Amino acid sequence: MTDRKPVVLAPHRGRGYEMGRISALFKADGAETGSRYSISEWWLEANTTGPGAHVHEEGDDVFFVLEGTMSFLVGDAWQEATAGSFVLVPAGMRHDFENRSNARAGLLNFSIPGGFEPHMPSIVDWFRENPPGDARPPEV
């Protein structure tokens, strides 16, 4: 038997974090999941850079594109991912995401293990000091 409670949220509900042209909406983390994983939506306005290339040494990042087209850096290669696409980034692998399209785009993110949300206040502060820039497709 668990002491955890079920979570049922209406669309657009959760704990929100605004970062200029990026927003995050956490659906479950910490107490809701027993710190096993976190689930959040990330929305980027048109032509918006993401968090920058980074690595999570101890956790996998799983992405599912909800709407639009997102560009993902996985390792050393950028890849386009349209709505319905799935991306698994294993722990220790360099990655990033951005919206290079002319329309708003969103993704569902699972961070495994959980406990990601407590970092959000410092991430919001970082974006306040480093606002997301314009993302454009690389010239060929």
Protein backbone atom coordinates (compact mmCIF):
# COMPACT_ATOMS: atom_id res chain seq x y z
CA MET A 1 0.00 0.00 0.00
CA THR A 2 1.25 3.49 -0.79
CA ASP A 3 0.75 6.75 1.03
CA ARG A 4 0.97 8.61 -2.31
CA LYS A 5 -2.20 10.14 -3.72
CA PRO A 6 -3.40 9.99 -7.32
CA VAL A 7 -2.96 13.14 -9.37
CA VAL A 8 -5.64 14.29 -11.80
CA LEU A 9 -5.10 17.69 -13.41
CA ALA A 10 -7.18 19.57 -15.95
CA PRO A 11 -5.41 20.90 -19.05
CA HIS A 12 -3.07 23.82 -18.39
CA ARG A 13 -2.90 22.99 -14.65
CA GLY A 14 0.18 22.30 -12.55
CA ARG A 15 2.95 24.33 -10.96
CA GLY A 16 4.07 26.94 -13.47
CA TYR A 17 7.42 28.63 -14.05
CA GLU A 18 7.76 31.54 -16.47
CA MET A 19 11.14 32.12 -18.12
CA GLY A 20 10.44 34.79 -20.72
CA ARG A 21 9.76 33.00 -24.02
CA ILE A 22 9.87 29.61 -22.24
CA SER A 23 7.43 28.24 -19.69
CA ALA A 24 7.37 25.03 -17.69
CA LEU A 25 4.36 23.42 -16.07
CA PHE A 26 5.11 20.65 -13.57
CA LYS A 27 2.48 17.95 -13.38
CA ALA A 28 4.14 15.64 -10.84
CA ASP A 29 7.43 15.54 -8.96
CA GLY A 30 8.75 14.94 -5.45
CA ALA A 31 5.92 13.90 -3.16
CA GLU A 32 3.58 12.94 -6.02
CA THR A 33 6.04 10.39 -7.44
CA GLY A 34 8.03 9.42 -4.37
CA SER A 35 10.94 11.22 -6.11
CA ARG A 36 11.05 8.41 -8.70
CA TYR A 37 10.53 10.79 -11.66
CA SER A 38 9.20 14.21 -12.57
CA ILE A 39 6.79 15.09 -15.36
CA SER A 40 6.56 18.57 -16.84
CA GLU A 41 5.42 20.38 -19.96
CA TRP A 42 7.83 22.83 -21.57
CA TRP A 43 6.56 25.41 -24.06
CA LEU A 44 8.77 27.56 -26.26
CA GLU A 45 7.56 30.48 -28.33
CA ALA A 46 8.46 30.58 -32.03
CA ASN A 47 12.19 30.81 -32.81
CA THR A 48 13.32 30.43 -29.20
CA THR A 49 16.54 28.92 -27.90
CA GLY A 50 16.37 26.47 -25.01
CA PRO A 51 18.45 25.99 -21.89
CA GLY A 52 21.74 25.46 -23.74
CA ALA A 53 23.74 22.26 -24.06
CA HIS A 54 24.02 20.46 -20.73
CA VAL A 55 24.39 17.03 -19.13
CA HIS A 56 22.46 15.30 -16.35
CA GLU A 57 25.03 12.92 -14.89
CA GLU A 58 22.60 10.90 -12.80
CA GLY A 59 19.34 10.87 -14.72
CA ASP A 60 17.72 10.17 -18.05
CA ASP A 61 15.70 12.84 -19.85
CA VAL A 62 12.72 11.64 -21.86
CA PHE A 63 10.92 13.98 -24.25
CA PHE A 64 7.67 13.65 -26.19
CA VAL A 65 6.79 16.46 -28.59
CA LEU A 66 3.22 17.58 -27.92
CA GLU A 67 2.84 20.29 -30.53
CA GLY A 68 4.89 21.88 -33.27
CA THR A 69 8.46 20.99 -34.16
CA MET A 70 11.32 20.97 -31.67
CA SER A 71 15.02 20.72 -32.45
CA PHE A 72 17.02 18.45 -30.14
CA LEU A 73 20.76 18.29 -29.65
CA VAL A 74 21.59 14.71 -28.66
CA GLY A 75 25.30 14.13 -28.29
CA ASP A 76 26.85 16.16 -31.11
CA ALA A 77 23.96 16.14 -33.60
CA TRP A 78 20.85 18.29 -33.92
CA GLN A 79 17.66 16.50 -34.95
CA GLU A 80 14.22 17.79 -35.85
CA ALA A 81 11.29 16.25 -33.97
CA THR A 82 7.69 16.90 -35.00
CA ALA A 83 4.58 16.41 -32.84
CA GLY A 84 4.40 12.80 -31.67
CA SER A 85 8.18 12.31 -31.72
CA PHE A 86 9.95 10.61 -28.82
CA VAL A 87 13.51 11.33 -27.63
CA LEU A 88 15.38 9.47 -24.87
CA VAL A 89 18.60 11.06 -23.65
CA PRO A 90 20.54 8.70 -21.36
CA ALA A 91 22.25 10.03 -18.23
CA GLY A 92 25.62 11.57 -18.99
CA MET A 93 24.79 12.58 -22.58
CA ARG A 94 25.00 16.20 -23.71
CA HIS A 95 21.67 17.59 -24.92
CA ASP A 96 19.60 20.70 -25.55
CA PHE A 97 16.30 21.64 -27.15
CA GLU A 98 14.98 24.69 -28.95
CA ASN A 99 12.14 25.79 -31.19
CA ARG A 100 13.48 26.82 -34.60
CA SER A 101 10.01 27.00 -36.16
CA ASN A 102 7.72 29.96 -36.71
CA ALA A 103 5.05 28.57 -34.34
CA ARG A 104 4.87 27.83 -30.62
CA ALA A 105 6.02 24.29 -29.73
CA GLY A 106 5.70 22.14 -26.64
CA LEU A 107 7.06 18.95 -25.18
CA LEU A 108 6.35 16.62 -22.31
CA ASN A 109 9.45 15.87 -20.23
CA PHE A 110 10.06 12.96 -17.88
CA SER A 111 13.17 13.31 -15.69
CA ILE A 112 14.25 10.04 -14.11
CA PRO A 113 14.94 9.95 -11.21
CA GLY A 114 12.73 12.70 -9.81
CA GLY A 115 13.60 15.67 -7.67
CA PHE A 116 14.13 18.07 -10.58
CA GLU A 117 11.56 20.69 -9.58
CA PRO A 118 13.48 22.07 -6.57
CA HIS A 119 16.03 23.38 -9.12
CA MET A 120 13.40 25.46 -10.92
CA PRO A 121 13.76 28.69 -8.87
CA SER A 122 17.47 28.88 -9.76
CA ILE A 123 16.68 27.98 -13.40
CA VAL A 124 14.10 30.80 -13.52
CA ASP A 125 16.73 33.17 -12.07
CA TRP A 126 19.26 31.99 -14.67
CA PHE A 127 16.81 32.69 -17.51
CA ARG A 128 16.05 36.11 -16.02
CA GLU A 129 19.77 36.93 -16.35
CA ASN A 130 20.17 35.03 -19.65
CA PRO A 131 16.92 35.49 -21.61
CA PRO A 132 16.22 32.94 -24.33
CA GLY A 133 17.43 34.17 -27.68
CA ASP A 134 16.32 33.70 -31.26
CA ALA A 135 16.71 30.20 -32.65
CA ARG A 136 17.11 29.91 -36.37
CA PRO A 137 17.81 26.86 -38.47
CA PRO A 138 21.53 26.47 -39.19
CA GLU A 139 22.56 27.68 -42.62
CA VAL A 140 23.51 24.91 -44.97
